[in-house]
Amino acid sequence: QVQLVESGGGLVEAGGSLRLSCAASGRTFSMYTMGWFRQTPGKERDFVARIIWSGGSTYYADSVKGRFTISRDNAKNTVYLQMNSLKPEDTAVYYCAAKKGGPGQRGSSWYMSMPGEYDYWGQGTQVTVSS
């Protein structure tokens, strides 16, 4: 069982930056692929980025590529999402997710961009970007 707790959300002006953190419980954090998703009211949860256990492979949604960076510190059981050049359309609740194993394992695709591919979720943190 893995418990995830996001933090770092808030209100920022367009063009600004935020760094989200997701702290995970458990001693096997390094065995999990971690993902970030976001959701606005009335819409589906959208993929943002994911990172494999070693940090050696990352994948981003086209909408955030070049602006967001996902990283992880396995010693701290934490995954990060650095968000730069924020836009009003980035406003959403951001969720951290975890899946044991990596792309292509345990029924997962290489992209691991679908919410159903993840087993554990945090409670979400609100990010609001003002214009």
Protein backbone atom coordinates (compact mmCIF):
# COMPACT_ATOMS: atom_id res chain seq x y z
CA GLN A 1 0.00 0.00 0.00
CA VAL A 2 1.24 3.47 -0.91
CA GLN A 3 -0.11 6.75 0.41
CA LEU A 4 0.55 9.92 -1.54
CA VAL A 5 0.33 13.50 -0.28
CA GLU A 6 0.67 16.44 -2.66
CA SER A 7 1.71 19.94 -1.69
CA GLY A 8 2.92 23.15 -3.29
CA GLY A 9 -0.19 24.30 -5.09
CA GLY A 10 -1.40 27.87 -4.94
CA LEU A 11 -2.23 31.02 -6.84
CA VAL A 12 0.31 32.40 -9.31
CA GLU A 13 0.25 34.95 -12.11
CA ALA A 14 0.61 33.90 -15.69
CA GLY A 15 4.27 33.43 -16.57
CA GLY A 16 5.14 32.46 -13.04
CA SER A 17 6.39 29.19 -11.55
CA LEU A 18 5.36 26.65 -8.95
CA ARG A 19 6.89 23.42 -7.74
CA LEU A 20 4.58 20.65 -6.66
CA SER A 21 5.75 17.87 -4.37
CA CYS A 22 4.29 14.44 -3.74
CA ALA A 23 5.47 12.57 -0.67
CA ALA A 24 4.96 8.82 -0.68
CA SER A 25 4.82 6.40 2.22
CA GLY A 26 6.34 2.96 2.10
CA ARG A 27 9.78 1.47 1.74
CA THR A 28 9.47 0.48 -1.92
CA PHE A 29 8.95 3.91 -3.47
CA SER A 30 11.86 3.32 -5.83
CA MET A 31 9.94 0.43 -7.43
CA TYR A 32 7.10 2.69 -8.60
CA THR A 33 6.51 4.72 -11.71
CA MET A 34 5.12 8.08 -10.65
CA GLY A 35 2.78 10.29 -12.62
CA TRP A 36 1.15 13.70 -12.43
CA PHE A 37 -2.36 14.32 -13.72
CA ARG A 38 -4.67 17.31 -13.59
CA GLN A 39 -8.39 17.84 -13.63
CA THR A 40 -10.80 20.75 -13.98
CA PRO A 41 -14.48 20.63 -12.95
CA GLY A 42 -16.63 18.60 -15.30
CA LYS A 43 -13.70 17.26 -17.28
CA GLU A 44 -11.71 14.06 -17.32
CA ARG A 45 -8.43 13.70 -15.51
CA ASP A 46 -5.63 14.54 -17.95
CA PHE A 47 -2.10 13.24 -18.06
CA VAL A 48 0.70 15.71 -17.37
CA ALA A 49 3.93 13.75 -16.92
CA ARG A 50 5.41 10.50 -15.65
CA ILE A 51 8.81 9.26 -14.49
CA ILE A 52 10.10 5.74 -14.06
CA TRP A 53 11.66 4.35 -10.90
CA SER A 54 15.21 5.40 -11.76
CA GLY A 55 14.33 8.80 -13.19
CA GLY A 56 15.96 7.69 -16.41
CA SER A 57 12.83 7.98 -18.52
CA THR A 58 10.25 10.73 -18.50
CA TYR A 59 7.27 11.46 -20.69
CA TYR A 60 5.18 14.63 -20.97
CA ALA A 61 1.91 15.74 -22.40
CA ASP A 62 2.42 17.98 -25.42
CA SER A 63 0.66 20.83 -23.62
CA VAL A 64 3.36 21.05 -20.94
CA LYS A 65 6.46 19.90 -22.80
CA GLY A 66 9.28 22.39 -22.44
CA ARG A 67 7.58 24.15 -19.50
CA PHE A 68 7.16 21.43 -16.87
CA THR A 69 9.80 19.08 -15.47
CA ILE A 70 9.13 15.93 -13.48
CA SER A 71 11.82 14.59 -11.17
CA ARG A 72 12.14 12.33 -8.17
CA ASP A 73 14.30 11.81 -5.10
CA ASN A 74 14.03 8.18 -4.05
CA ALA A 75 15.95 8.84 -0.84
CA LYS A 76 13.18 11.23 0.18
CA ASN A 77 10.30 9.21 -1.28
CA THR A 78 9.25 12.31 -3.17
CA VAL A 79 8.37 13.20 -6.74
CA TYR A 80 8.32 16.78 -7.98
CA LEU A 81 6.69 18.74 -10.76
CA GLN A 82 8.45 21.99 -11.60
CA MET A 83 6.05 24.20 -13.53
CA ASN A 84 7.40 27.22 -15.36
CA SER A 85 5.83 29.72 -17.74
CA LEU A 86 2.44 28.93 -16.31
CA LYS A 87 -0.67 29.77 -18.30
CA PRO A 88 -4.27 30.29 -17.18
CA GLU A 89 -5.15 27.02 -18.93
CA ASP A 90 -2.86 25.20 -16.49
CA THR A 91 -5.37 25.95 -13.74
CA ALA A 92 -6.56 22.63 -12.30
CA VAL A 93 -6.34 20.27 -9.38
CA TYR A 94 -3.09 18.37 -9.75
CA TYR A 95 -2.90 14.75 -8.67
CA CYS A 96 0.06 12.51 -8.00
CA ALA A 97 -0.25 8.82 -8.92
CA ALA A 98 1.80 5.68 -8.46
CA LYS A 99 2.11 2.36 -10.26
CA LYS A 100 4.35 -0.49 -9.19
CA GLY A 101 6.67 -1.44 -12.03
CA GLY A 102 7.51 0.40 -15.19
CA PRO A 103 6.31 1.07 -18.72
CA GLY A 104 5.41 -2.16 -20.46
CA GLN A 105 5.17 -4.07 -17.20
CA ARG A 106 2.07 -5.35 -15.39
CA GLY A 107 -0.18 -4.39 -18.29
CA SER A 108 1.06 -0.80 -18.60
CA SER A 109 1.81 0.95 -21.85
CA TRP A 110 5.14 2.66 -22.55
CA TYR A 111 3.49 6.04 -22.16
CA MET A 112 1.58 5.28 -18.95
CA SER A 113 -0.59 8.30 -19.69
CA MET A 114 -3.96 6.86 -18.72
CA PRO A 115 -5.38 7.25 -15.22
CA GLY A 116 -6.44 3.59 -15.20
CA GLU A 117 -2.81 2.50 -15.39
CA TYR A 118 -2.12 3.80 -11.89
CA ASP A 119 -3.02 2.11 -8.65
CA TYR A 120 -2.60 4.83 -6.05
CA TRP A 121 -3.63 8.48 -5.96
CA GLY A 122 -3.14 11.49 -3.76
CA GLN A 123 -5.86 13.88 -2.69
CA GLY A 124 -4.83 16.61 -5.12
CA THR A 125 -3.55 20.15 -4.82
CA GLN A 126 -5.12 23.20 -6.46
CA VAL A 127 -3.12 25.28 -8.90
CA THR A 128 -4.66 28.54 -10.07
CA VAL A 129 -3.00 30.72 -12.69
CA SER A 130 -4.38 34.23 -13.05
CA SER A 131 -4.20 36.16 -16.31
